[in-house]
Amino acid sequence: EEKPKSEWASAEVFGAHYDEGRITRTLDPDEVWSWMAARSIERYGEIAKDGGEEFYSEVGHLVVDRQGADGYLDKLL
């Protein structure tokens, strides 16, 4: 359970891993990271079955870029 914002300044470790939502992507300018992400996603069903709890639903994605931006999409596509 994520702590309220008022408690974030405490000396305890804080991380985004306390949330229940994850962004999972295979689009990455680095081909190795993209490949590793795809391999991991392929195993989500097996992990859910072994763990007894569903944790992933594929819902699609939206990518927005502006013309003349840093070329992030050009690197991906």
C-alpha atoms as a PDB file:
ATOM      1  CA  GLU A   1       0.000   0.000   0.000  1.00  0.00           C
ATOM      2  CA  GLU A   2       1.379   3.367  -1.007  1.00  0.00           C
ATOM      3  CA  LYS A   3       1.890   5.903   1.751  1.00  0.00           C
ATOM      4  CA  PRO A   4       0.100   9.250   1.562  1.00  0.00           C
ATOM      5  CA  LYS A   5       2.101  12.121   0.079  1.00  0.00           C
ATOM      6  CA  SER A   6       2.426  13.727   3.505  1.00  0.00           C
ATOM      7  CA  GLU A   7       4.620  10.804   4.619  1.00  0.00           C
ATOM      8  CA  TRP A   8       6.966  10.754   1.605  1.00  0.00           C
ATOM      9  CA  ALA A   9       9.678  12.715   3.407  1.00  0.00           C
ATOM     10  CA  SER A  10      10.247   9.915   5.922  1.00  0.00           C
ATOM     11  CA  ALA A  11      13.580   8.086   5.966  1.00  0.00           C
ATOM     12  CA  GLU A  12      12.001   4.873   4.704  1.00  0.00           C
ATOM     13  CA  VAL A  13      12.537   3.546   1.209  1.00  0.00           C
ATOM     14  CA  PHE A  14       9.935   4.730  -1.280  1.00  0.00           C
ATOM     15  CA  GLY A  15       9.318   3.378  -4.723  1.00  0.00           C
ATOM     16  CA  ALA A  16       6.762   3.121  -7.481  1.00  0.00           C
ATOM     17  CA  HIS A  17       6.609  -0.637  -6.923  1.00  0.00           C
ATOM     18  CA  TYR A  18       3.877  -0.095  -4.329  1.00  0.00           C
ATOM     19  CA  ASP A  19       1.342   0.719  -7.009  1.00  0.00           C
ATOM     20  CA  GLU A  20      -1.005  -1.788  -8.569  1.00  0.00           C
ATOM     21  CA  GLY A  21      -0.599  -0.523 -12.108  1.00  0.00           C
ATOM     22  CA  ARG A  22       2.365  -1.003 -14.353  1.00  0.00           C
ATOM     23  CA  ILE A  23       3.206   0.367 -17.731  1.00  0.00           C
ATOM     24  CA  THR A  24       4.614  -2.388 -19.876  1.00  0.00           C
ATOM     25  CA  ARG A  25       6.070  -1.587 -23.248  1.00  0.00           C
ATOM     26  CA  THR A  26       8.061  -3.252 -25.961  1.00  0.00           C
ATOM     27  CA  LEU A  27       8.774  -0.084 -27.914  1.00  0.00           C
ATOM     28  CA  ASP A  28      12.255   1.046 -26.999  1.00  0.00           C
ATOM     29  CA  PRO A  29      15.003   2.661 -29.017  1.00  0.00           C
ATOM     30  CA  ASP A  30      17.365   0.046 -27.591  1.00  0.00           C
ATOM     31  CA  GLU A  31      16.689  -3.233 -29.393  1.00  0.00           C
ATOM     32  CA  VAL A  32      17.988  -5.316 -26.486  1.00  0.00           C
ATOM     33  CA  TRP A  33      15.597  -3.717 -23.972  1.00  0.00           C
ATOM     34  CA  SER A  34      12.751  -4.113 -26.440  1.00  0.00           C
ATOM     35  CA  TRP A  35      13.559  -7.800 -26.912  1.00  0.00           C
ATOM     36  CA  MET A  36      13.876  -8.418 -23.154  1.00  0.00           C
ATOM     37  CA  ALA A  37      10.557  -6.680 -22.486  1.00  0.00           C
ATOM     38  CA  ALA A  38       8.809  -8.784 -25.133  1.00  0.00           C
ATOM     39  CA  ARG A  39      10.260 -11.988 -23.653  1.00  0.00           C
ATOM     40  CA  SER A  40       9.098 -10.967 -20.175  1.00  0.00           C
ATOM     41  CA  ILE A  41       5.582 -10.107 -21.344  1.00  0.00           C
ATOM     42  CA  GLU A  42       5.339 -13.503 -23.058  1.00  0.00           C
ATOM     43  CA  ARG A  43       5.780 -15.133 -19.630  1.00  0.00           C
ATOM     44  CA  TYR A  44       3.178 -13.054 -17.757  1.00  0.00           C
ATOM     45  CA  GLY A  45       0.494 -15.722 -18.282  1.00  0.00           C
ATOM     46  CA  GLU A  46       2.733 -18.445 -16.869  1.00  0.00           C
ATOM     47  CA  ILE A  47       3.728 -16.267 -13.917  1.00  0.00           C
ATOM     48  CA  ALA A  48       0.070 -15.435 -13.169  1.00  0.00           C
ATOM     49  CA  LYS A  49      -0.878 -19.097 -13.327  1.00  0.00           C
ATOM     50  CA  ASP A  50       1.974 -20.148 -11.031  1.00  0.00           C
ATOM     51  CA  GLY A  51       1.272 -17.287  -8.617  1.00  0.00           C
ATOM     52  CA  GLY A  52      -2.486 -17.782  -8.639  1.00  0.00           C
ATOM     53  CA  GLU A  53      -3.240 -14.134  -9.383  1.00  0.00           C
ATOM     54  CA  GLU A  54      -3.857 -12.222 -12.590  1.00  0.00           C
ATOM     55  CA  PHE A  55      -1.769  -9.066 -12.760  1.00  0.00           C
ATOM     56  CA  TYR A  56      -1.731  -8.023 -16.402  1.00  0.00           C
ATOM     57  CA  SER A  57      -4.345  -7.037 -18.967  1.00  0.00           C
ATOM     58  CA  GLU A  58      -3.366  -6.003 -22.449  1.00  0.00           C
ATOM     59  CA  VAL A  59      -5.252  -2.818 -23.233  1.00  0.00           C
ATOM     60  CA  GLY A  60      -3.281  -1.332 -26.122  1.00  0.00           C
ATOM     61  CA  HIS A  61      -1.382   1.918 -26.257  1.00  0.00           C
ATOM     62  CA  LEU A  62      -1.351   5.408 -27.620  1.00  0.00           C
ATOM     63  CA  VAL A  63       1.750   7.196 -28.842  1.00  0.00           C
ATOM     64  CA  VAL A  64       1.691  10.938 -29.438  1.00  0.00           C
ATOM     65  CA  ASP A  65       4.571  12.929 -30.839  1.00  0.00           C
ATOM     66  CA  ARG A  66       4.835  16.315 -32.415  1.00  0.00           C
ATOM     67  CA  GLN A  67       6.464  16.974 -35.729  1.00  0.00           C
ATOM     68  CA  GLY A  68      10.006  18.183 -35.251  1.00  0.00           C
ATOM     69  CA  ALA A  69      10.281  16.620 -31.797  1.00  0.00           C
ATOM     70  CA  ASP A  70      13.410  14.774 -30.695  1.00  0.00           C
ATOM     71  CA  GLY A  71      12.765  11.935 -33.117  1.00  0.00           C
ATOM     72  CA  TYR A  72      11.825   9.366 -30.477  1.00  0.00           C
ATOM     73  CA  LEU A  73       9.191   7.768 -32.702  1.00  0.00           C
ATOM     74  CA  ASP A  74      11.516   7.778 -35.681  1.00  0.00           C
ATOM     75  CA  LYS A  75      13.978   5.704 -33.634  1.00  0.00           C
ATOM     76  CA  LEU A  76      11.254   3.198 -32.778  1.00  0.00           C
ATOM     77  CA  LEU A  77       9.546   2.734 -36.109  1.00  0.00           C
END
